[in-house]
């Protein structure tokens, strides 16, 4: 897998913005990616040092459109904590 395929998109939520001060960033990642691959991808794409990676599998929510019902897609989320001496990720710093 290429590094660009592992990191799908950043998660931009209120709880995610609270972690930026502690150098904690949240991403949606590929379902088959493991913690080692996620760490390598973040370090290569953003030129930072990663201290830890926590992952969680998120199940899709149930949605209804009239009589029809279904589920949104399942996805995997990773919370990446950077080392104290590492610089922050510029993308998130420009948003806050």
PDB file of N, CA and C in Angstrom:
ATOM      1  N   UNK A   1       0.834  -1.178   0.000  1.00  0.00           N
ATOM      2  CA  UNK A   1       0.000   0.000   0.000  1.00  0.00           C
ATOM      3  C   UNK A   1       0.887   1.252   0.000  1.00  0.00           C
ATOM      4  N   UNK A   2       0.483   2.236  -0.757  1.00  0.00           N
ATOM      5  CA  UNK A   2       1.195   3.512  -0.774  1.00  0.00           C
ATOM      6  C   UNK A   2       0.746   4.334   0.441  1.00  0.00           C
ATOM      7  N   UNK A   3       1.598   5.260   0.859  1.00  0.00           N
ATOM      8  CA  UNK A   3       1.268   6.087   2.019  1.00  0.00           C
ATOM      9  C   UNK A   3       0.002   6.903   1.787  1.00  0.00           C
ATOM     10  N   UNK A   4      -0.202   7.369   0.550  1.00  0.00           N
ATOM     11  CA  UNK A   4      -1.398   8.164   0.242  1.00  0.00           C
ATOM     12  C   UNK A   4      -2.666   7.325   0.335  1.00  0.00           C
ATOM     13  N   UNK A   5      -2.547   5.997   0.147  1.00  0.00           N
ATOM     14  CA  UNK A   5      -3.704   5.114   0.240  1.00  0.00           C
ATOM     15  C   UNK A   5      -4.062   4.796   1.690  1.00  0.00           C
ATOM     16  N   UNK A   6      -3.105   4.895   2.587  1.00  0.00           N
ATOM     17  CA  UNK A   6      -3.351   4.555   3.995  1.00  0.00           C
ATOM     18  C   UNK A   6      -4.116   5.670   4.698  1.00  0.00           C
ATOM     19  N   UNK A   7      -3.675   6.922   4.537  1.00  0.00           N
ATOM     20  CA  UNK A   7      -4.362   8.060   5.154  1.00  0.00           C
ATOM     21  C   UNK A   7      -5.453   8.526   4.188  1.00  0.00           C
ATOM     22  N   UNK A   8      -6.719   8.302   4.539  1.00  0.00           N
ATOM     23  CA  UNK A   8      -7.828   8.648   3.646  1.00  0.00           C
ATOM     24  C   UNK A   8      -8.171  10.126   3.765  1.00  0.00           C
ATOM     25  N   UNK A   9      -8.455  10.593   4.998  1.00  0.00           N
ATOM     26  CA  UNK A   9      -8.807  12.001   5.198  1.00  0.00           C
ATOM     27  C   UNK A   9      -8.690  12.342   6.674  1.00  0.00           C
ATOM     28  N   UNK A  10      -8.527  13.623   7.005  1.00  0.00           N
ATOM     29  CA  UNK A  10      -8.522  14.024   8.410  1.00  0.00           C
ATOM     30  C   UNK A  10      -9.946  14.101   8.956  1.00  0.00           C
ATOM     31  N   UNK A  11     -10.072  13.926  10.254  1.00  0.00           N
ATOM     32  CA  UNK A  11     -11.365  14.056  10.920  1.00  0.00           C
ATOM     33  C   UNK A  11     -11.403  15.444  11.554  1.00  0.00           C
ATOM     34  N   UNK A  12     -12.340  16.270  11.125  1.00  0.00           N
ATOM     35  CA  UNK A  12     -12.438  17.654  11.592  1.00  0.00           C
ATOM     36  C   UNK A  12     -13.676  17.802  12.470  1.00  0.00           C
ATOM     37  N   UNK A  13     -13.511  17.499  13.756  1.00  0.00           N
ATOM     38  CA  UNK A  13     -14.606  17.602  14.709  1.00  0.00           C
ATOM     39  C   UNK A  13     -14.147  18.445  15.900  1.00  0.00           C
ATOM     40  N   UNK A  14     -15.095  18.813  16.765  1.00  0.00           N
ATOM     41  CA  UNK A  14     -14.741  19.597  17.945  1.00  0.00           C
ATOM     42  C   UNK A  14     -13.781  18.828  18.841  1.00  0.00           C
ATOM     43  N   UNK A  15     -14.039  17.555  19.047  1.00  0.00           N
ATOM     44  CA  UNK A  15     -13.159  16.742  19.885  1.00  0.00           C
ATOM     45  C   UNK A  15     -11.784  16.612  19.244  1.00  0.00           C
ATOM     46  N   UNK A  16     -11.747  16.540  17.917  1.00  0.00           N
ATOM     47  CA  UNK A  16     -10.473  16.472  17.221  1.00  0.00           C
ATOM     48  C   UNK A  16      -9.669  17.748  17.361  1.00  0.00           C
ATOM     49  N   UNK A  17     -10.341  18.896  17.317  1.00  0.00           N
ATOM     50  CA  UNK A  17      -9.652  20.173  17.468  1.00  0.00           C
ATOM     51  C   UNK A  17      -9.120  20.362  18.884  1.00  0.00           C
ATOM     52  N   UNK A  18      -9.774  19.778  19.889  1.00  0.00           N
ATOM     53  CA  UNK A  18      -9.295  19.876  21.266  1.00  0.00           C
ATOM     54  C   UNK A  18      -7.943  19.175  21.438  1.00  0.00           C
ATOM     55  N   UNK A  19      -7.691  18.140  20.647  1.00  0.00           N
ATOM     56  CA  UNK A  19      -6.443  17.390  20.762  1.00  0.00           C
ATOM     57  C   UNK A  19      -5.263  18.045  20.083  1.00  0.00           C
ATOM     58  N   UNK A  20      -5.489  19.051  19.244  1.00  0.00           N
ATOM     59  CA  UNK A  20      -4.396  19.676  18.503  1.00  0.00           C
ATOM     60  C   UNK A  20      -3.388  20.317  19.453  1.00  0.00           C
ATOM     61  N   UNK A  21      -3.843  20.879  20.551  1.00  0.00           N
ATOM     62  CA  UNK A  21      -2.935  21.504  21.524  1.00  0.00           C
ATOM     63  C   UNK A  21      -1.981  20.473  22.126  1.00  0.00           C
ATOM     64  N   UNK A  22      -2.429  19.223  22.247  1.00  0.00           N
ATOM     65  CA  UNK A  22      -1.590  18.155  22.798  1.00  0.00           C
ATOM     66  C   UNK A  22      -0.897  17.354  21.705  1.00  0.00           C
ATOM     67  N   UNK A  23      -0.917  17.872  20.468  1.00  0.00           N
ATOM     68  CA  UNK A  23      -0.319  17.205  19.303  1.00  0.00           C
ATOM     69  C   UNK A  23      -0.953  15.830  19.065  1.00  0.00           C
ATOM     70  N   UNK A  24      -2.289  15.795  19.151  1.00  0.00           N
ATOM     71  CA  UNK A  24      -3.049  14.574  18.896  1.00  0.00           C
ATOM     72  C   UNK A  24      -3.964  14.836  17.698  1.00  0.00           C
ATOM     73  N   UNK A  25      -3.791  14.065  16.632  1.00  0.00           N
ATOM     74  CA  UNK A  25      -4.517  14.289  15.386  1.00  0.00           C
ATOM     75  C   UNK A  25      -5.295  13.031  15.020  1.00  0.00           C
ATOM     76  N   UNK A  26      -6.468  13.224  14.403  1.00  0.00           N
ATOM     77  CA  UNK A  26      -7.347  12.109  14.061  1.00  0.00           C
ATOM     78  C   UNK A  26      -7.501  12.007  12.545  1.00  0.00           C
ATOM     79  N   UNK A  27      -7.406  10.777  12.024  1.00  0.00           N
ATOM     80  CA  UNK A  27      -7.528  10.523  10.590  1.00  0.00           C
ATOM     81  C   UNK A  27      -8.435   9.333  10.347  1.00  0.00           C
ATOM     82  N   UNK A  28      -9.126   9.339   9.211  1.00  0.00           N
ATOM     83  CA  UNK A  28      -9.772   8.135   8.701  1.00  0.00           C
ATOM     84  C   UNK A  28      -8.712   7.430   7.877  1.00  0.00           C
ATOM     85  N   UNK A  29      -8.515   6.139   8.144  1.00  0.00           N
ATOM     86  CA  UNK A  29      -7.452   5.387   7.478  1.00  0.00           C
ATOM     87  C   UNK A  29      -8.049   4.180   6.762  1.00  0.00           C
ATOM     88  N   UNK A  30      -7.231   3.537   5.943  1.00  0.00           N
ATOM     89  CA  UNK A  30      -7.669   2.336   5.224  1.00  0.00           C
ATOM     90  C   UNK A  30      -8.008   1.240   6.234  1.00  0.00           C
ATOM     91  N   UNK A  31      -9.045   0.457   5.937  1.00  0.00           N
ATOM     92  CA  UNK A  31      -9.514  -0.560   6.874  1.00  0.00           C
ATOM     93  C   UNK A  31      -8.457  -1.627   7.155  1.00  0.00           C
ATOM     94  N   UNK A  32      -7.638  -1.953   6.159  1.00  0.00           N
ATOM     95  CA  UNK A  32      -6.661  -3.030   6.318  1.00  0.00           C
ATOM     96  C   UNK A  32      -5.326  -2.547   6.862  1.00  0.00           C
ATOM     97  N   UNK A  33      -5.177  -1.248   7.094  1.00  0.00           N
ATOM     98  CA  UNK A  33      -3.904  -0.705   7.579  1.00  0.00           C
ATOM     99  C   UNK A  33      -3.730  -1.017   9.065  1.00  0.00           C
ATOM    100  N   UNK A  34      -2.493  -1.377   9.449  1.00  0.00           N
ATOM    101  CA  UNK A  34      -2.210  -1.612  10.861  1.00  0.00           C
ATOM    102  C   UNK A  34      -1.479  -0.403  11.444  1.00  0.00           C
ATOM    103  N   UNK A  35      -1.209  -0.449  12.750  1.00  0.00           N
ATOM    104  CA  UNK A  35      -0.621   0.709  13.433  1.00  0.00           C
ATOM    105  C   UNK A  35       0.766   1.056  12.890  1.00  0.00           C
ATOM    106  N   UNK A  36       1.561   0.059  12.555  1.00  0.00           N
ATOM    107  CA  UNK A  36       2.905   0.301  12.030  1.00  0.00           C
ATOM    108  C   UNK A  36       2.841   1.017  10.690  1.00  0.00           C
ATOM    109  N   UNK A  37       1.931   0.600   9.816  1.00  0.00           N
ATOM    110  CA  UNK A  37       1.769   1.243   8.513  1.00  0.00           C
ATOM    111  C   UNK A  37       1.263   2.673   8.668  1.00  0.00           C
ATOM    112  N   UNK A  38       0.334   2.896   9.592  1.00  0.00           N
ATOM    113  CA  UNK A  38      -0.208   4.239   9.813  1.00  0.00           C
ATOM    114  C   UNK A  38       0.889   5.167  10.335  1.00  0.00           C
ATOM    115  N   UNK A  39       1.701   4.671  11.265  1.00  0.00           N
ATOM    116  CA  UNK A  39       2.799   5.477  11.805  1.00  0.00           C
ATOM    117  C   UNK A  39       3.776   5.862  10.699  1.00  0.00           C
ATOM    118  N   UNK A  40       4.150   4.910   9.865  1.00  0.00           N
ATOM    119  CA  UNK A  40       5.095   5.190   8.774  1.00  0.00           C
ATOM    120  C   UNK A  40       4.506   6.181   7.781  1.00  0.00           C
ATOM    121  N   UNK A  41       3.213   6.060   7.488  1.00  0.00           N
ATOM    122  CA  UNK A  41       2.569   6.953   6.531  1.00  0.00           C
ATOM    123  C   UNK A  41       2.512   8.386   7.051  1.00  0.00           C
ATOM    124  N   UNK A  42       2.155   8.570   8.316  1.00  0.00           N
ATOM    125  CA  UNK A  42       2.073   9.921   8.887  1.00  0.00           C
ATOM    126  C   UNK A  42       3.465  10.553   8.939  1.00  0.00           C
ATOM    127  N   UNK A  43       4.470   9.775   9.341  1.00  0.00           N
ATOM    128  CA  UNK A  43       5.828  10.318   9.407  1.00  0.00           C
ATOM    129  C   UNK A  43       6.335  10.710   8.025  1.00  0.00           C
ATOM    130  N   UNK A  44       6.015   9.917   7.006  1.00  0.00           N
ATOM    131  CA  UNK A  44       6.498  10.217   5.661  1.00  0.00           C
ATOM    132  C   UNK A  44       5.739  11.373   5.012  1.00  0.00           C
ATOM    133  N   UNK A  45       4.426  11.428   5.177  1.00  0.00           N
ATOM    134  CA  UNK A  45       3.619  12.447   4.505  1.00  0.00           C
ATOM    135  C   UNK A  45       3.754  13.827   5.152  1.00  0.00           C
ATOM    136  N   UNK A  46       3.875  13.879   6.483  1.00  0.00           N
ATOM    137  CA  UNK A  46       3.858  15.162   7.179  1.00  0.00           C
ATOM    138  C   UNK A  46       5.205  15.544   7.792  1.00  0.00           C
ATOM    139  N   UNK A  47       6.233  14.710   7.671  1.00  0.00           N
ATOM    140  CA  UNK A  47       7.580  14.965   8.200  1.00  0.00           C
ATOM    141  C   UNK A  47       7.548  15.276   9.696  1.00  0.00           C
ATOM    142  N   UNK A  48       6.932  14.391  10.472  1.00  0.00           N
ATOM    143  CA  UNK A  48       6.834  14.536  11.918  1.00  0.00           C
ATOM    144  C   UNK A  48       7.283  13.233  12.575  1.00  0.00           C
ATOM    145  N   UNK A  49       7.430  13.250  13.901  1.00  0.00           N
ATOM    146  CA  UNK A  49       7.783  12.060  14.683  1.00  0.00           C
ATOM    147  C   UNK A  49       6.555  11.604  15.466  1.00  0.00           C
ATOM    148  N   UNK A  50       6.148  10.354  15.289  1.00  0.00           N
ATOM    149  CA  UNK A  50       4.946   9.829  15.926  1.00  0.00           C
ATOM    150  C   UNK A  50       5.323   9.087  17.199  1.00  0.00           C
ATOM    151  N   UNK A  51       4.630   9.397  18.298  1.00  0.00           N
ATOM    152  CA  UNK A  51       4.859   8.712  19.572  1.00  0.00           C
ATOM    153  C   UNK A  51       3.973   7.475  19.677  1.00  0.00           C
ATOM    154  N   UNK A  52       2.680   7.600  19.332  1.00  0.00           N
ATOM    155  CA  UNK A  52       1.770   6.462  19.451  1.00  0.00           C
ATOM    156  C   UNK A  52       0.630   6.582  18.452  1.00  0.00           C
ATOM    157  N   UNK A  53       0.031   5.433  18.153  1.00  0.00           N
ATOM    158  CA  UNK A  53      -1.123   5.365  17.257  1.00  0.00           C
ATOM    159  C   UNK A  53      -2.190   4.512  17.929  1.00  0.00           C
ATOM    160  N   UNK A  54      -3.383   5.051  18.076  1.00  0.00           N
ATOM    161  CA  UNK A  54      -4.532   4.293  18.577  1.00  0.00           C
ATOM    162  C   UNK A  54      -5.542   4.181  17.446  1.00  0.00           C
ATOM    163  N   UNK A  55      -6.060   2.974  17.222  1.00  0.00           N
ATOM    164  CA  UNK A  55      -7.015   2.770  16.135  1.00  0.00           C
ATOM    165  C   UNK A  55      -8.332   2.256  16.684  1.00  0.00           C
ATOM    166  N   UNK A  56      -9.396   2.514  15.909  1.00  0.00           N
ATOM    167  CA  UNK A  56     -10.707   1.979  16.254  1.00  0.00           C
ATOM    168  C   UNK A  56     -11.503   1.730  14.978  1.00  0.00           C
ATOM    169  N   UNK A  57     -12.236   0.632  14.964  1.00  0.00           N
ATOM    170  CA  UNK A  57     -13.122   0.333  13.855  1.00  0.00           C
ATOM    171  C   UNK A  57     -14.485   0.919  14.168  1.00  0.00           C
ATOM    172  N   UNK A  58     -14.986   1.775  13.296  1.00  0.00           N
ATOM    173  CA  UNK A  58     -16.260   2.450  13.497  1.00  0.00           C
ATOM    174  C   UNK A  58     -17.293   1.826  12.567  1.00  0.00           C
ATOM    175  N   UNK A  59     -18.399   1.426  13.129  1.00  0.00           N
ATOM    176  CA  UNK A  59     -19.464   0.815  12.347  1.00  0.00           C
ATOM    177  C   UNK A  59     -20.376   1.893  11.780  1.00  0.00           C
ATOM    178  N   UNK A  60     -20.920   1.638  10.596  1.00  0.00           N
ATOM    179  CA  UNK A  60     -21.790   2.597   9.945  1.00  0.00           C
ATOM    180  C   UNK A  60     -23.087   2.800  10.703  1.00  0.00           C
ATOM    181  N   UNK A  61     -23.624   3.997  10.593  1.00  0.00           N
ATOM    182  CA  UNK A  61     -24.877   4.325  11.272  1.00  0.00           C
ATOM    183  C   UNK A  61     -26.051   3.910  10.399  1.00  0.00           C
ATOM    184  N   UNK A  62     -27.164   3.596  11.032  1.00  0.00           N
ATOM    185  CA  UNK A  62     -28.380   3.219  10.316  1.00  0.00           C
ATOM    186  C   UNK A  62     -29.067   4.475   9.800  1.00  0.00           C
ATOM    187  N   UNK A  63     -29.392   4.500   8.534  1.00  0.00           N
ATOM    188  CA  UNK A  63     -30.040   5.662   7.916  1.00  0.00           C
ATOM    189  C   UNK A  63     -31.305   5.203   7.204  1.00  0.00           C
ATOM    190  N   UNK A  64     -32.300   6.104   7.169  1.00  0.00           N
ATOM    191  CA  UNK A  64     -33.555   5.816   6.472  1.00  0.00           C
ATOM    192  C   UNK A  64     -33.840   6.904   5.459  1.00  0.00           C
ATOM    193  N   UNK A  65     -34.352   6.498   4.329  1.00  0.00           N
ATOM    194  CA  UNK A  65     -34.851   7.416   3.306  1.00  0.00           C
ATOM    195  C   UNK A  65     -36.255   6.932   2.955  1.00  0.00           C
ATOM    196  N   UNK A  66     -37.256   7.444   3.637  1.00  0.00           N
ATOM    197  CA  UNK A  66     -38.623   6.976   3.425  1.00  0.00           C
ATOM    198  C   UNK A  66     -38.773   5.566   3.960  1.00  0.00           C
ATOM    199  N   UNK A  67     -39.247   4.651   3.109  1.00  0.00           N
ATOM    200  CA  UNK A  67     -39.410   3.257   3.530  1.00  0.00           C
ATOM    201  C   UNK A  67     -38.098   2.481   3.462  1.00  0.00           C
ATOM    202  N   UNK A  68     -37.153   2.967   2.683  1.00  0.00           N
ATOM    203  CA  UNK A  68     -35.887   2.264   2.527  1.00  0.00           C
ATOM    204  C   UNK A  68     -34.953   2.586   3.682  1.00  0.00           C
ATOM    205  N   UNK A  69     -34.199   1.598   4.093  1.00  0.00           N
ATOM    206  CA  UNK A  69     -33.214   1.835   5.138  1.00  0.00           C
ATOM    207  C   UNK A  69     -31.938   1.083   4.809  1.00  0.00           C
ATOM    208  N   UNK A  70     -30.837   1.587   5.348  1.00  0.00           N
ATOM    209  CA  UNK A  70     -29.548   0.963   5.119  1.00  0.00           C
ATOM    210  C   UNK A  70     -28.552   1.507   6.120  1.00  0.00           C
ATOM    211  N   UNK A  71     -27.291   1.273   5.843  1.00  0.00           N
ATOM    212  CA  UNK A  71     -26.233   1.706   6.741  1.00  0.00           C
ATOM    213  C   UNK A  71     -25.189   2.501   5.969  1.00  0.00           C
ATOM    214  N   UNK A  72     -24.606   3.497   6.627  1.00  0.00           N
ATOM    215  CA  UNK A  72     -23.471   4.192   6.038  1.00  0.00           C
ATOM    216  C   UNK A  72     -22.274   3.247   6.110  1.00  0.00           C
ATOM    217  N   UNK A  73     -21.247   3.470   5.319  1.00  0.00           N
ATOM    218  CA  UNK A  73     -20.125   2.529   5.294  1.00  0.00           C
ATOM    219  C   UNK A  73     -19.352   2.490   6.622  1.00  0.00           C
ATOM    220  N   UNK A  74     -18.798   1.309   6.926  1.00  0.00           N
ATOM    221  CA  UNK A  74     -17.897   1.173   8.058  1.00  0.00           C
ATOM    222  C   UNK A  74     -16.564   1.818   7.697  1.00  0.00           C
ATOM    223  N   UNK A  75     -15.823   2.276   8.703  1.00  0.00           N
ATOM    224  CA  UNK A  75     -14.513   2.867   8.453  1.00  0.00           C
ATOM    225  C   UNK A  75     -13.616   2.651   9.665  1.00  0.00           C
ATOM    226  N   UNK A  76     -12.334   2.913   9.479  1.00  0.00           N
ATOM    227  CA  UNK A  76     -11.358   2.788  10.551  1.00  0.00           C
ATOM    228  C   UNK A  76     -10.789   4.165  10.853  1.00  0.00           C
ATOM    229  N   UNK A  77     -10.653   4.483  12.131  1.00  0.00           N
ATOM    230  CA  UNK A  77     -10.182   5.793  12.558  1.00  0.00           C
ATOM    231  C   UNK A  77      -8.908   5.605  13.371  1.00  0.00           C
ATOM    232  N   UNK A  78      -7.947   6.511  13.173  1.00  0.00           N
ATOM    233  CA  UNK A  78      -6.690   6.453  13.914  1.00  0.00           C
ATOM    234  C   UNK A  78      -6.448   7.784  14.607  1.00  0.00           C
ATOM    235  N   UNK A  79      -6.075   7.717  15.889  1.00  0.00           N
ATOM    236  CA  UNK A  79      -5.688   8.901  16.645  1.00  0.00           C
ATOM    237  C   UNK A  79      -4.169   8.831  16.803  1.00  0.00           C
ATOM    238  N   UNK A  80      -3.478   9.786  16.189  1.00  0.00           N
ATOM    239  CA  UNK A  80      -2.019   9.795  16.153  1.00  0.00           C
ATOM    240  C   UNK A  80      -1.510  10.859  17.118  1.00  0.00           C
ATOM    241  N   UNK A  81      -0.654  10.453  18.052  1.00  0.00           N
ATOM    242  CA  UNK A  81      -0.035  11.380  18.996  1.00  0.00           C
ATOM    243  C   UNK A  81       1.417  11.576  18.590  1.00  0.00           C
ATOM    244  N   UNK A  82       1.823  12.837  18.460  1.00  0.00           N
ATOM    245  CA  UNK A  82       3.195  13.151  18.069  1.00  0.00           C
ATOM    246  C   UNK A  82       4.080  13.288  19.299  1.00  0.00           C
ATOM    247  N   UNK A  83       5.396  13.133  19.083  1.00  0.00           N
ATOM    248  CA  UNK A  83       6.357  13.323  20.167  1.00  0.00           C
ATOM    249  C   UNK A  83       6.415  14.794  20.551  1.00  0.00           C
ATOM    250  N   UNK A  84       6.844  15.069  21.781  1.00  0.00           N
ATOM    251  CA  UNK A  84       6.853  16.443  22.298  1.00  0.00           C
ATOM    252  C   UNK A  84       7.794  17.340  21.514  1.00  0.00           C
ATOM    253  N   UNK A  85       8.911  16.794  21.027  1.00  0.00           N
ATOM    254  CA  UNK A  85       9.886  17.615  20.298  1.00  0.00           C
ATOM    255  C   UNK A  85       9.557  17.741  18.816  1.00  0.00           C
ATOM    256  N   UNK A  86       8.503  17.094  18.357  1.00  0.00           N
ATOM    257  CA  UNK A  86       8.114  17.153  16.944  1.00  0.00           C
ATOM    258  C   UNK A  86       7.293  18.414  16.669  1.00  0.00           C
ATOM    259  N   UNK A  87       7.392  18.902  15.441  1.00  0.00           N
ATOM    260  CA  UNK A  87       6.556  20.040  15.068  1.00  0.00           C
ATOM    261  C   UNK A  87       5.154  19.554  14.762  1.00  0.00           C
ATOM    262  N   UNK A  88       4.175  20.457  14.762  1.00  0.00           N
ATOM    263  CA  UNK A  88       2.792  20.081  14.491  1.00  0.00           C
ATOM    264  C   UNK A  88       2.547  19.897  13.005  1.00  0.00           C
ATOM    265  N   UNK A  89       1.372  19.406  12.658  1.00  0.00           N
ATOM    266  CA  UNK A  89       0.975  19.227  11.267  1.00  0.00           C
ATOM    267  C   UNK A  89       0.371  20.543  10.786  1.00  0.00           C
ATOM    268  N   UNK A  90       0.934  21.120   9.722  1.00  0.00           N
ATOM    269  CA  UNK A  90       0.540  22.460   9.276  1.00  0.00           C
ATOM    270  C   UNK A  90      -0.925  22.531   8.872  1.00  0.00           C
ATOM    271  N   UNK A  91      -1.455  21.458   8.295  1.00  0.00           N
ATOM    272  CA  UNK A  91      -2.849  21.462   7.840  1.00  0.00           C
ATOM    273  C   UNK A  91      -3.793  21.759   8.995  1.00  0.00           C
ATOM    274  N   UNK A  92      -3.590  21.110  10.141  1.00  0.00           N
ATOM    275  CA  UNK A  92      -4.464  21.317  11.290  1.00  0.00           C
ATOM    276  C   UNK A  92      -4.207  22.673  11.935  1.00  0.00           C
ATOM    277  N   UNK A  93      -2.941  23.102  11.966  1.00  0.00           N
ATOM    278  CA  UNK A  93      -2.616  24.395  12.591  1.00  0.00           C
ATOM    279  C   UNK A  93      -3.247  25.557  11.845  1.00  0.00           C
ATOM    280  N   UNK A  94      -3.391  25.439  10.528  1.00  0.00           N
ATOM    281  CA  UNK A  94      -3.992  26.519   9.764  1.00  0.00           C
ATOM    282  C   UNK A  94      -5.506  26.616   9.997  1.00  0.00           C
ATOM    283  N   UNK A  95      -6.127  25.549  10.458  1.00  0.00           N
ATOM    284  CA  UNK A  95      -7.578  25.551  10.691  1.00  0.00           C
ATOM    285  C   UNK A  95      -7.963  26.132  12.033  1.00  0.00           C
ATOM    286  N   UNK A  96      -7.120  25.964  13.026  1.00  0.00           N
ATOM    287  CA  UNK A  96      -7.499  26.405  14.379  1.00  0.00           C
ATOM    288  C   UNK A  96      -7.154  27.845  14.645  1.00  0.00           C
TER     289      UNK A  96
END
